Amino acid sequence: MIQRIIGGAVGALATWLILVWNNVDSALAVTAAVVGAVAAFLWPIIVGFFLARRVKQRRQDDIQAEVARQVAEQNKQG
C-alpha cells in the first residue's frame, strides 16, 4: 500500500516537472499531476478486480463442465 502511494507521488511529481519544463500552464500541470497520481494509485485495484472476475468465471466454468460430465456419466450408467 505504501509503495503505491509513494509511486503515485513520484509519478505525479515527475509529470508536474515534465509539464513545467515544457512551459505548460501551472494550473494544467497541477491538474495533470493530480490525475496521474490518482490513476497510478487506482489502476492496480481496477485491473485486479477484472482479473479476479475472470478467474472466478473460469473456475465456475470448470465446475459446470465437471457437473455436466458427472450427470452424463450417471445417465449412461442408469
N, C-alpha and C. Protein backbone atom coordinates (compact mmCIF):
# COMPACT_ATOMS: atom_id res chain seq x y z
N MET A 1 0.83 -1.19 0.00
CA MET A 1 0.00 0.00 0.00
C MET A 1 0.88 1.25 0.00
N ILE A 2 1.85 1.28 0.87
CA ILE A 2 2.72 2.45 0.94
C ILE A 2 3.53 2.61 -0.35
N GLN A 3 3.86 1.48 -0.98
CA GLN A 3 4.60 1.55 -2.25
C GLN A 3 3.76 2.21 -3.32
N ARG A 4 2.46 1.91 -3.34
CA ARG A 4 1.58 2.52 -4.34
C ARG A 4 1.43 4.01 -4.09
N ILE A 5 1.37 4.42 -2.84
CA ILE A 5 1.25 5.84 -2.52
C ILE A 5 2.53 6.57 -2.93
N ILE A 6 3.66 5.98 -2.60
CA ILE A 6 4.94 6.59 -2.98
C ILE A 6 5.07 6.64 -4.50
N GLY A 7 4.68 5.54 -5.17
CA GLY A 7 4.74 5.52 -6.63
C GLY A 7 3.85 6.57 -7.26
N GLY A 8 2.66 6.74 -6.71
CA GLY A 8 1.76 7.78 -7.21
C GLY A 8 2.32 9.17 -7.00
N ALA A 9 2.92 9.39 -5.85
CA ALA A 9 3.52 10.71 -5.56
C ALA A 9 4.71 10.99 -6.47
N VAL A 10 5.56 9.99 -6.66
CA VAL A 10 6.72 10.17 -7.54
C VAL A 10 6.25 10.38 -8.99
N GLY A 11 5.25 9.61 -9.41
CA GLY A 11 4.71 9.79 -10.76
C GLY A 11 4.10 11.17 -10.95
N ALA A 12 3.39 11.65 -9.96
CA ALA A 12 2.79 12.98 -10.03
C ALA A 12 3.88 14.05 -10.09
N LEU A 13 4.90 13.89 -9.27
CA LEU A 13 6.00 14.86 -9.29
C LEU A 13 6.72 14.87 -10.63
N ALA A 14 6.98 13.69 -11.17
CA ALA A 14 7.65 13.60 -12.48
C ALA A 14 6.78 14.23 -13.57
N THR A 15 5.48 13.95 -13.53
CA THR A 15 4.57 14.54 -14.51
C THR A 15 4.57 16.06 -14.40
N TRP A 16 4.49 16.56 -13.19
CA TRP A 16 4.48 18.01 -12.99
C TRP A 16 5.78 18.64 -13.48
N LEU A 17 6.91 18.02 -13.16
CA LEU A 17 8.20 18.57 -13.61
C LEU A 17 8.32 18.59 -15.13
N ILE A 18 7.89 17.53 -15.78
CA ILE A 18 7.96 17.48 -17.24
C ILE A 18 7.06 18.56 -17.86
N LEU A 19 5.87 18.71 -17.33
CA LEU A 19 4.95 19.71 -17.88
C LEU A 19 5.45 21.13 -17.62
N VAL A 20 5.99 21.39 -16.44
CA VAL A 20 6.53 22.72 -16.15
C VAL A 20 7.76 22.99 -17.02
N TRP A 21 8.59 21.98 -17.22
CA TRP A 21 9.79 22.12 -18.04
C TRP A 21 9.43 22.45 -19.49
N ASN A 22 8.29 21.94 -19.95
CA ASN A 22 7.83 22.20 -21.31
C ASN A 22 6.93 23.44 -21.39
N ASN A 23 6.98 24.29 -20.36
CA ASN A 23 6.27 25.57 -20.31
C ASN A 23 4.75 25.43 -20.45
N VAL A 24 4.20 24.43 -19.80
CA VAL A 24 2.74 24.27 -19.76
C VAL A 24 2.22 25.10 -18.60
N ASP A 25 1.02 25.63 -18.73
CA ASP A 25 0.40 26.43 -17.68
C ASP A 25 0.42 25.67 -16.35
N SER A 26 0.74 26.36 -15.26
CA SER A 26 0.88 25.73 -13.95
C SER A 26 -0.39 25.03 -13.49
N ALA A 27 -1.54 25.64 -13.69
CA ALA A 27 -2.80 25.03 -13.26
C ALA A 27 -3.03 23.72 -14.01
N LEU A 28 -2.74 23.72 -15.29
CA LEU A 28 -2.90 22.49 -16.09
C LEU A 28 -1.90 21.43 -15.64
N ALA A 29 -0.69 21.85 -15.31
CA ALA A 29 0.34 20.91 -14.86
C ALA A 29 -0.06 20.27 -13.53
N VAL A 30 -0.59 21.05 -12.62
CA VAL A 30 -1.02 20.52 -11.33
C VAL A 30 -2.20 19.56 -11.52
N THR A 31 -3.14 19.94 -12.37
CA THR A 31 -4.29 19.07 -12.65
C THR A 31 -3.83 17.74 -13.23
N ALA A 32 -2.92 17.80 -14.19
CA ALA A 32 -2.41 16.58 -14.81
C ALA A 32 -1.66 15.72 -13.79
N ALA A 33 -0.92 16.35 -12.91
CA ALA A 33 -0.17 15.62 -11.89
C ALA A 33 -1.12 14.92 -10.92
N VAL A 34 -2.18 15.60 -10.52
CA VAL A 34 -3.14 15.00 -9.59
C VAL A 34 -3.88 13.84 -10.27
N VAL A 35 -4.31 14.03 -11.51
CA VAL A 35 -4.99 12.96 -12.23
C VAL A 35 -4.04 11.78 -12.42
N GLY A 36 -2.79 12.04 -12.74
CA GLY A 36 -1.80 10.97 -12.89
C GLY A 36 -1.57 10.22 -11.59
N ALA A 37 -1.52 10.92 -10.48
CA ALA A 37 -1.32 10.27 -9.19
C ALA A 37 -2.51 9.39 -8.82
N VAL A 38 -3.71 9.90 -9.06
CA VAL A 38 -4.91 9.11 -8.76
C VAL A 38 -4.96 7.87 -9.65
N ALA A 39 -4.65 8.04 -10.92
CA ALA A 39 -4.64 6.89 -11.84
C ALA A 39 -3.58 5.87 -11.44
N ALA A 40 -2.41 6.34 -11.05
CA ALA A 40 -1.34 5.43 -10.62
C ALA A 40 -1.74 4.68 -9.36
N PHE A 41 -2.53 5.30 -8.51
CA PHE A 41 -2.97 4.65 -7.28
C PHE A 41 -4.08 3.64 -7.55
N LEU A 42 -4.99 3.94 -8.47
CA LEU A 42 -6.18 3.12 -8.66
C LEU A 42 -6.05 2.00 -9.69
N TRP A 43 -5.14 2.11 -10.66
CA TRP A 43 -5.14 1.11 -11.73
C TRP A 43 -4.90 -0.31 -11.24
N PRO A 44 -4.04 -0.56 -10.25
CA PRO A 44 -3.89 -1.96 -9.81
C PRO A 44 -5.18 -2.53 -9.20
N ILE A 45 -5.95 -1.69 -8.55
CA ILE A 45 -7.20 -2.14 -7.96
C ILE A 45 -8.18 -2.53 -9.07
N ILE A 46 -8.29 -1.70 -10.08
CA ILE A 46 -9.22 -1.95 -11.18
C ILE A 46 -8.81 -3.18 -11.98
N VAL A 47 -7.53 -3.30 -12.31
CA VAL A 47 -7.04 -4.46 -13.06
C VAL A 47 -7.21 -5.73 -12.22
N GLY A 48 -6.91 -5.66 -10.94
CA GLY A 48 -7.08 -6.81 -10.06
C GLY A 48 -8.53 -7.25 -9.98
N PHE A 49 -9.46 -6.30 -9.97
CA PHE A 49 -10.88 -6.63 -9.94
C PHE A 49 -11.28 -7.42 -11.19
N PHE A 50 -10.84 -6.95 -12.37
CA PHE A 50 -11.19 -7.65 -13.60
C PHE A 50 -10.51 -9.01 -13.70
N LEU A 51 -9.28 -9.11 -13.25
CA LEU A 51 -8.59 -10.41 -13.27
C LEU A 51 -9.25 -11.39 -12.31
N ALA A 52 -9.67 -10.92 -11.15
CA ALA A 52 -10.35 -11.80 -10.20
C ALA A 52 -11.68 -12.29 -10.76
N ARG A 53 -12.41 -11.42 -11.44
CA ARG A 53 -13.66 -11.84 -12.06
C ARG A 53 -13.41 -12.90 -13.13
N ARG A 54 -12.33 -12.72 -13.88
CA ARG A 54 -12.00 -13.68 -14.93
C ARG A 54 -11.66 -15.05 -14.34
N VAL A 55 -10.87 -15.05 -13.28
CA VAL A 55 -10.51 -16.31 -12.62
C VAL A 55 -11.75 -16.97 -12.05
N LYS A 56 -12.62 -16.20 -11.43
CA LYS A 56 -13.85 -16.75 -10.85
C LYS A 56 -14.72 -17.36 -11.94
N GLN A 57 -14.83 -16.71 -13.08
CA GLN A 57 -15.65 -17.23 -14.17
C GLN A 57 -15.06 -18.53 -14.73
N ARG A 58 -13.74 -18.59 -14.87
CA ARG A 58 -13.10 -19.82 -15.35
C ARG A 58 -13.33 -20.96 -14.36
N ARG A 59 -13.20 -20.68 -13.10
CA ARG A 59 -13.43 -21.70 -12.08
C ARG A 59 -14.88 -22.20 -12.14
N GLN A 60 -15.81 -21.27 -12.31
CA GLN A 60 -17.22 -21.63 -12.41
C GLN A 60 -17.47 -22.47 -13.66
N ASP A 61 -16.83 -22.13 -14.77
CA ASP A 61 -16.96 -22.92 -15.99
C ASP A 61 -16.42 -24.34 -15.80
N ASP A 62 -15.30 -24.46 -15.11
CA ASP A 62 -14.73 -25.79 -14.83
C ASP A 62 -15.68 -26.62 -13.97
N ILE A 63 -16.26 -26.00 -12.95
CA ILE A 63 -17.21 -26.71 -12.08
C ILE A 63 -18.43 -27.14 -12.88
N GLN A 64 -18.92 -26.25 -13.72
CA GLN A 64 -20.09 -26.56 -14.54
C GLN A 64 -19.79 -27.72 -15.50
N ALA A 65 -18.61 -27.74 -16.10
CA ALA A 65 -18.22 -28.82 -17.01
C ALA A 65 -18.11 -30.14 -16.25
N GLU A 66 -17.57 -30.11 -15.04
CA GLU A 66 -17.45 -31.33 -14.24
C GLU A 66 -18.82 -31.87 -13.84
N VAL A 67 -19.73 -30.99 -13.48
CA VAL A 67 -21.09 -31.41 -13.13
C VAL A 67 -21.76 -32.04 -14.35
N ALA A 68 -21.62 -31.42 -15.50
CA ALA A 68 -22.22 -31.96 -16.73
C ALA A 68 -21.63 -33.33 -17.05
N ARG A 69 -20.32 -33.49 -16.86
CA ARG A 69 -19.67 -34.77 -17.12
C ARG A 69 -20.21 -35.85 -16.17
N GLN A 70 -20.35 -35.52 -14.91
CA GLN A 70 -20.85 -36.49 -13.93
C GLN A 70 -22.31 -36.86 -14.20
N VAL A 71 -23.12 -35.88 -14.58
CA VAL A 71 -24.52 -36.16 -14.89
C VAL A 71 -24.61 -37.06 -16.13
N ALA A 72 -23.80 -36.77 -17.14
CA ALA A 72 -23.80 -37.60 -18.35
C ALA A 72 -23.34 -39.01 -18.03
N GLU A 73 -22.34 -39.14 -17.18
CA GLU A 73 -21.84 -40.45 -16.78
C GLU A 73 -22.91 -41.21 -15.99
N GLN A 74 -23.61 -40.52 -15.13
CA GLN A 74 -24.66 -41.12 -14.33
C GLN A 74 -25.82 -41.59 -15.22
N ASN A 75 -26.18 -40.78 -16.20
CA ASN A 75 -27.27 -41.14 -17.12
C ASN A 75 -26.89 -42.33 -17.99
N LYS A 76 -25.61 -42.43 -18.34
CA LYS A 76 -25.14 -43.53 -19.16
C LYS A 76 -25.20 -44.85 -18.38
N GLN A 77 -24.88 -44.78 -17.11
CA GLN A 77 -24.89 -45.99 -16.28
C GLN A 77 -26.32 -46.41 -15.91
N GLY A 78 -27.18 -45.45 -15.71
CA GLY A 78 -28.52 -45.76 -15.22
C GLY A 78 -29.48 -45.95 -16.31
